[in-house]
Protein backbone atom coordinates (compact mmCIF):
# COMPACT_ATOMS: atom_id res chain seq x y z
CA MET A 1 32.00 -43.05 87.85
CA LYS A 2 30.39 -39.75 87.20
CA LEU A 3 26.89 -40.67 85.50
CA LEU A 4 24.54 -38.36 83.61
CA MET A 5 21.10 -39.72 83.77
CA LEU A 6 18.70 -38.10 80.95
CA GLY A 7 15.45 -38.54 82.74
CA GLY A 8 15.73 -40.31 85.99
CA THR A 9 12.69 -39.91 88.02
CA GLU A 10 10.62 -42.81 86.61
CA PHE A 11 10.64 -46.42 86.16
CA VAL A 12 13.80 -47.16 84.32
CA GLY A 13 15.39 -44.04 84.89
CA ARG A 14 14.97 -44.01 88.70
CA ALA A 15 16.07 -47.68 89.21
CA VAL A 16 19.40 -46.82 87.01
CA SER A 17 19.90 -43.61 89.37
CA GLU A 18 19.29 -45.30 92.47
CA ALA A 19 21.63 -48.30 91.48
CA ALA A 20 24.18 -45.79 90.59
CA VAL A 21 23.75 -43.74 93.90
CA ALA A 22 24.22 -47.27 95.86
CA ARG A 23 27.42 -47.85 94.05
CA GLY A 24 29.05 -44.56 95.15
CA TRP A 25 28.55 -42.96 91.64
CA GLU A 26 28.22 -39.22 91.29
CA VAL A 27 24.93 -38.97 89.61
CA THR A 28 23.32 -36.16 87.98
CA VAL A 29 19.67 -36.13 86.88
CA PHE A 30 18.45 -34.01 83.98
CA HIS A 31 14.56 -33.67 84.03
CA ARG A 32 11.92 -31.64 83.79
CA GLY A 33 10.96 -31.23 87.33
CA ASN A 34 7.75 -33.01 87.33
CA HIS A 35 8.66 -35.68 89.85
CA ALA A 36 11.14 -35.89 92.88
CA PRO A 37 14.53 -37.14 91.67
CA PRO A 38 16.09 -39.81 93.97
CA GLU A 39 18.16 -39.08 96.96
CA GLY A 40 21.78 -38.72 96.42
CA VAL A 41 21.64 -37.11 92.94
CA THR A 42 22.59 -33.57 91.59
CA ALA A 43 19.39 -32.49 89.60
CA LEU A 44 19.41 -30.23 86.87
CA HIS A 45 16.12 -29.06 84.70
CA GLY A 46 15.20 -28.83 81.39
CA ASP A 47 12.94 -29.90 78.51
CA ARG A 48 14.77 -32.05 75.76
CA ALA A 49 11.73 -31.60 73.16
CA ALA A 50 11.69 -27.37 73.77
CA PRO A 51 13.70 -24.93 72.44
CA ALA A 52 17.07 -24.40 74.29
CA GLY A 53 15.67 -27.05 76.49
CA LEU A 54 19.30 -28.57 76.69
CA ALA A 55 21.06 -25.25 78.13
CA ALA A 56 21.68 -26.73 81.51
CA LEU A 57 23.79 -29.48 79.95
CA GLU A 58 25.91 -26.89 77.73
CA LYS A 59 28.50 -27.52 80.55
CA GLY A 60 29.71 -30.21 82.69
CA GLU A 61 31.60 -33.80 81.92
CA TRP A 62 30.73 -37.06 82.99
CA ASP A 63 32.14 -40.50 82.35
CA ALA A 64 28.80 -41.83 80.81
CA VAL A 65 25.20 -40.94 80.09
CA VAL A 66 22.05 -43.19 80.14
CA ASP A 67 19.26 -41.85 77.82
CA THR A 68 15.69 -43.75 77.94
CA TRP A 69 14.03 -41.28 75.67
CA SER A 70 11.07 -43.00 73.72
CA GLY A 71 10.01 -40.05 71.88
CA ALA A 72 11.52 -38.28 68.74
CA PRO A 73 14.66 -39.49 67.51
CA SER A 74 15.81 -36.26 66.87
CA VAL A 75 15.94 -35.59 70.61
CA VAL A 76 18.22 -38.24 71.18
CA ARG A 77 20.58 -36.82 67.98
CA ASN A 78 20.46 -33.23 69.74
CA SER A 79 21.47 -34.37 73.12
CA ALA A 80 24.23 -37.03 71.95
CA ARG A 81 25.84 -34.06 69.63
CA LEU A 82 25.73 -31.68 72.77
CA LEU A 83 27.41 -34.28 74.89
CA SER A 84 30.06 -35.41 72.28
CA GLY A 85 33.60 -34.75 73.63
CA ARG A 86 32.24 -34.46 77.38
CA VAL A 87 31.07 -38.04 78.17
CA GLY A 88 32.90 -41.05 77.57
CA THR A 89 30.19 -43.65 76.96
CA TYR A 90 26.39 -43.01 75.62
CA ALA A 91 23.84 -46.11 76.56
CA TYR A 92 20.63 -45.72 74.95
CA VAL A 93 17.97 -47.84 76.55
CA SER A 94 16.01 -49.05 73.22
CA SER A 95 13.68 -51.89 73.09
CA GLY A 96 13.43 -55.32 71.32
CA SER A 97 10.69 -53.49 69.25
CA VAL A 98 13.33 -52.37 66.78
CA TYR A 99 13.80 -56.13 65.36
CA ALA A 100 11.70 -56.55 62.14
CA PHE A 101 8.39 -58.34 62.26
CA PRO A 102 7.46 -61.30 61.39
CA PRO A 103 11.09 -62.39 62.20
CA THR A 104 12.94 -64.68 59.81
CA THR A 105 14.86 -66.54 62.36
CA ARG A 106 15.15 -66.41 66.38
CA LEU A 107 15.69 -62.90 67.28
CA ASP A 108 19.05 -61.90 68.60
CA GLU A 109 21.28 -58.79 67.89
CA ARG A 110 22.01 -59.81 64.33
CA ALA A 111 18.09 -60.10 63.12
CA PRO A 112 16.77 -57.58 60.66
CA LEU A 113 15.72 -54.17 61.87
CA VAL A 114 12.93 -51.69 61.44
CA ALA A 115 13.49 -48.60 59.19
CA GLY A 116 14.48 -45.61 61.39
CA SER A 117 15.95 -42.04 61.01
CA SER A 118 18.09 -40.07 63.70
CA ASP A 119 16.70 -37.02 62.19
CA ALA A 120 12.91 -37.94 62.65
CA THR A 121 10.97 -35.28 64.64
CA ASP A 122 7.81 -37.35 65.62
CA ALA A 123 7.28 -40.86 67.55
CA GLU A 124 3.96 -41.88 65.99
CA ASP A 125 5.83 -45.56 65.32
CA TYR A 126 6.93 -46.59 68.27
CA ALA A 127 9.42 -49.08 67.02
CA GLN A 128 10.92 -46.79 64.43
CA ALA A 129 11.31 -44.13 67.03
CA LYS A 130 13.29 -46.50 69.13
CA ARG A 131 15.48 -47.51 66.14
CA GLY A 132 15.92 -43.84 65.25
CA GLY A 133 17.22 -43.31 68.85
CA GLU A 134 19.69 -46.10 68.28
CA LEU A 135 21.03 -44.50 65.23
CA ALA A 136 21.51 -40.98 66.69
CA ALA A 137 23.55 -42.44 69.73
CA ALA A 138 25.60 -44.64 67.10
CA GLU A 139 26.18 -41.81 64.53
CA VAL A 140 27.90 -39.57 67.35
CA PHE A 141 29.62 -42.11 69.48
CA GLY A 142 30.20 -44.99 66.89
CA GLU A 143 30.38 -48.56 67.98
CA GLY A 144 30.95 -47.26 71.65
CA ALA A 145 27.40 -46.35 72.10
CA LEU A 146 25.75 -49.27 74.24
CA LEU A 147 22.15 -50.04 72.68
CA VAL A 148 20.00 -52.07 75.49
CA ARG A 149 17.36 -53.47 73.64
CA ALA A 150 15.03 -54.13 76.49
CA GLY A 151 12.17 -56.51 76.21
CA LEU A 152 8.98 -56.50 78.70
CA ILE A 153 10.50 -54.65 82.01
CA LEU A 154 8.48 -55.25 85.22
CA GLY A 155 9.11 -54.21 88.69
CA PRO A 156 9.21 -51.54 91.27
CA TYR A 157 8.24 -48.09 89.80
CA GLU A 158 6.23 -49.50 86.82
CA ASN A 159 4.18 -46.81 85.24
CA VAL A 160 2.92 -48.95 82.36
CA GLY A 161 0.29 -50.83 84.22
CA ARG A 162 0.96 -54.55 83.35
CA LEU A 163 2.17 -56.07 86.85
CA PRO A 164 0.53 -53.29 88.78
CA TRP A 165 -2.92 -54.19 87.18
CA TRP A 166 -2.58 -57.94 87.89
CA LEU A 167 -1.51 -57.63 91.41
CA GLY A 168 -4.74 -54.99 91.96
CA ARG A 169 -6.75 -57.41 90.18
CA ILE A 170 -5.54 -60.68 92.12
CA ALA A 171 -5.93 -58.49 95.43
CA ARG A 172 -9.76 -57.64 94.99
CA GLY A 173 -10.12 -61.52 95.05
CA GLY A 174 -12.85 -63.65 93.80
CA PRO A 175 -12.47 -65.93 90.68
CA VAL A 176 -9.86 -64.54 88.36
CA LEU A 177 -9.59 -65.23 84.61
CA ALA A 178 -6.03 -66.70 84.47
CA PRO A 179 -5.27 -66.94 80.43
CA GLY A 180 -3.48 -70.25 79.63
CA PRO A 181 -1.57 -72.32 79.27
CA ARG A 182 -0.23 -72.00 82.58
CA GLY A 183 2.88 -73.25 81.92
CA MET A 184 3.46 -70.47 79.02
CA ALA A 185 7.28 -69.51 79.16
CA LEU A 186 7.69 -65.58 79.65
CA GLN A 187 10.59 -63.41 79.00
CA TYR A 188 11.04 -60.17 80.87
CA ILE A 189 13.62 -58.29 82.65
CA ASP A 190 13.29 -56.94 86.12
CA VAL A 191 14.12 -53.13 86.11
CA ARG A 192 16.62 -53.56 88.90
CA ASP A 193 18.38 -55.99 86.98
CA LEU A 194 18.11 -53.90 83.62
CA ALA A 195 19.83 -51.02 85.98
CA GLU A 196 22.47 -53.23 87.25
CA TRP A 197 23.63 -55.00 83.91
CA THR A 198 23.57 -51.26 82.15
CA LEU A 199 25.71 -50.04 85.01
CA ASP A 200 28.26 -52.88 84.95
CA ALA A 201 28.55 -52.79 81.04
CA LEU A 202 29.49 -48.92 81.13
CA GLU A 203 31.93 -49.92 83.61
CA GLY A 204 33.26 -52.73 81.44
CA GLY A 205 33.34 -50.52 78.51
CA LEU A 206 30.68 -52.49 76.26
CA GLY A 207 29.24 -50.95 73.23
CA GLY A 208 26.70 -52.21 70.57
CA PRO A 209 23.28 -53.77 70.58
CA TYR A 210 22.37 -56.39 73.41
CA SER A 211 18.91 -57.97 73.72
CA LEU A 212 18.33 -57.47 77.31
CA VAL A 213 15.45 -59.90 78.80
CA SER A 214 15.44 -62.89 80.96
CA GLU A 215 16.33 -66.46 79.42
CA VAL A 216 13.59 -68.33 77.79
CA GLY A 217 11.21 -69.93 80.59
CA HIS A 218 13.08 -67.88 83.50
CA ALA A 219 9.19 -67.71 84.50
CA THR A 220 6.07 -68.98 83.34
CA MET A 221 2.46 -67.42 83.29
CA GLY A 222 1.81 -69.69 86.14
CA GLU A 223 4.50 -68.69 88.29
CA LEU A 224 3.90 -65.13 87.74
CA LEU A 225 0.25 -64.98 88.71
CA GLU A 226 0.68 -67.55 91.90
CA SER A 227 3.31 -65.11 93.13
CA CYS A 228 0.88 -62.52 92.71
CA VAL A 229 -2.01 -64.60 94.60
CA LYS A 230 0.92 -65.12 97.47
CA VAL A 231 2.28 -61.78 98.04
CA THR A 232 -1.16 -60.28 97.99
CA GLY A 233 -2.59 -62.96 100.62
CA SER A 234 -5.82 -62.87 98.59
CA ALA A 235 -8.34 -65.53 98.38
CA ALA A 236 -8.39 -65.10 94.53
CA GLU A 237 -9.12 -68.30 92.60
CA LEU A 238 -6.97 -68.46 89.45
CA ARG A 239 -9.34 -69.92 86.68
CA TRP A 240 -6.80 -71.22 83.73
CA THR A 241 -8.70 -70.65 80.59
CA ALA A 242 -7.46 -71.93 77.45
CA PRO A 243 -6.28 -69.60 74.94
CA GLU A 244 -8.84 -70.06 72.29
CA ASP A 245 -11.53 -69.40 74.92
CA VAL A 246 -10.07 -66.32 75.98
CA LEU A 247 -9.79 -64.77 72.41
CA ALA A 248 -13.25 -66.04 71.75
CA ALA A 249 -14.75 -63.82 74.49
CA GLY A 250 -13.25 -60.80 72.62
CA ILE A 251 -10.60 -60.40 74.79
CA GLU A 252 -6.97 -58.59 73.61
CA PRO A 253 -4.02 -60.05 74.74
CA TRP A 254 -1.30 -58.04 75.96
CA THR A 255 -3.57 -54.73 76.48
CA GLU A 256 -6.72 -56.01 78.32
CA LEU A 257 -4.61 -58.96 79.78
CA PRO A 258 -1.29 -57.56 80.55
CA VAL A 259 1.88 -59.61 79.94
CA TRP A 260 -0.25 -62.66 78.10
CA LEU A 261 0.06 -63.45 74.46
CA ALA A 262 -1.90 -66.10 72.60
CA PRO A 263 -0.02 -68.89 70.94
CA GLY A 264 1.22 -67.87 67.76
CA GLU A 265 4.15 -65.93 65.56
CA LEU A 266 3.97 -63.06 68.18
CA ARG A 267 4.43 -64.93 71.20
CA ASP A 268 7.06 -67.23 69.77
CA ALA A 269 9.23 -64.08 68.83
CA LEU A 270 8.26 -61.96 71.87
CA PHE A 271 9.22 -64.70 74.37
CA GLY A 272 11.87 -66.73 72.40
CA VAL A 273 14.69 -64.10 72.28
CA ASP A 274 18.26 -65.34 72.14
CA VAL A 275 19.96 -63.62 75.15
CA SER A 276 23.19 -65.41 74.97
CA LYS A 277 24.96 -62.41 74.17
CA ALA A 278 23.62 -60.34 77.40
CA MET A 279 24.32 -63.34 79.36
CA SER A 280 28.05 -63.90 78.37
CA ALA A 281 28.18 -60.19 79.41
CA GLY A 282 27.14 -61.01 82.86
CA LEU A 283 23.34 -60.70 82.82
CA CYS A 284 21.51 -62.10 85.77
CA CYS A 285 18.07 -61.96 86.53
CA ARG A 286 16.24 -62.36 89.97
CA PRO A 287 13.46 -65.02 90.45
CA VAL A 288 10.03 -63.83 89.40
CA ALA A 289 8.66 -64.02 92.99
CA GLU A 290 11.00 -61.32 94.24
CA THR A 291 9.93 -59.15 91.41
CA VAL A 292 6.31 -59.71 92.16
CA ALA A 293 6.99 -59.21 96.03
CA ASP A 294 8.76 -55.98 95.69
CA THR A 295 6.36 -54.63 93.14
CA TRP A 296 3.44 -55.26 95.46
CA ALA A 297 5.84 -53.80 98.50
CA TRP A 298 6.30 -50.51 96.55
CA LEU A 299 2.41 -50.39 95.61
CA GLN A 300 1.53 -50.55 99.32
CA ALA A 301 4.46 -47.88 100.06
CA ILE A 302 2.56 -45.49 97.69
CA GLY A 303 -1.13 -46.15 98.62
CA GLY A 304 -1.66 -49.08 96.18
CA VAL A 305 -2.28 -47.29 93.11
CA ALA A 306 0.57 -47.06 90.36
CA PRO A 307 1.39 -43.93 88.41
CA GLN A 308 0.21 -44.05 84.75
CA ARG A 309 2.36 -42.73 81.85
CA PRO A 310 0.47 -39.99 79.89
CA ASP A 311 1.46 -41.43 76.95
CA ARG A 312 0.59 -44.78 77.76
CA PRO A 313 -3.25 -46.23 77.40
CA ALA A 314 -4.52 -47.79 80.48
CA LEU A 315 -4.18 -51.42 80.54
CA GLY A 316 -6.42 -54.30 81.87
CA LEU A 317 -9.66 -56.17 81.86
CA ASP A 318 -12.91 -54.50 82.47
CA PRO A 319 -14.60 -56.61 85.60
CA ALA A 320 -18.06 -57.32 83.45
CA LYS A 321 -16.12 -58.54 80.35
CA GLU A 322 -14.16 -60.59 82.72
CA ALA A 323 -17.19 -62.05 84.53
CA VAL A 324 -18.97 -62.91 81.08
CA ALA A 325 -15.81 -64.73 79.99
CA LEU A 326 -15.56 -66.30 83.19
CA ALA A 327 -19.07 -67.90 82.66
CA LEU A 328 -18.36 -68.99 79.15
CA ARG A 329 -14.89 -70.86 79.57
CA ARG A 330 -13.92 -74.21 79.73
CA ALA A 331 -11.17 -75.20 81.91
CA GLU A 332 -7.63 -75.08 80.35
């Protein structure tokens, strides 16, 4: 297989590129040149958002393309149009954020979607931008466009700051505010499982939308944080705290305490997605302990500090705020 990876030097793109190289695929990575590409690929340079930024892609043929773009949908549209007739399948890594909220039913591929436009030239609304990207791919490649609606993505190369923040916090040791309930079911996807499933889907000629996260309850908040304690070798003490006490301390779910959501409609939707379609199409998710251990090993290999996407805010809880919350907490 000949694969064109649009972006392929960070997180999802890098995982896809490395997985394809490991399969013996011929991989071309098109990127801006800000980061070193994975070993074993052919690199082409260009800025998709700039005038004439796609010049390096005006020639060439590939069996498939994977696009992780999360900016203006018009960029996906322009890329798809340019590549039409020269690639077999177009896979767009979208997001579960495209599902309308609040949901009227349990989320699956048939659920109502947010509005979006393939012609949009801005990405102020993330969900609408991702939906616009889907529409752009589908307008050119029809039902053959593969729309990978990823949920929460964790694993090595993460540049958003969720699992790396928890690993860093727990590695520092001491009492750690652990947001309850401990048995809260999570849904997420290891970036490498996303990569392998996407490549399998391309080989199998799949098209259309797929919600891509683990099954409900594949892991719990407790298993995630306890795995962090184990792999870091830390003497940290997880102090499980009732959700109402976390909120009473003025702590923001998801941003100040990454991955965690308080009980309610948002949590039920985000961690209750029906993934039976993807499971039937071969999705296989590794244990949370493996995701945590491999992310920690990667962090250690790069000096302990994860890269940070410039278009995303830094996540995590200020130590002083955590100390106040711990002093006021009641045990879960």
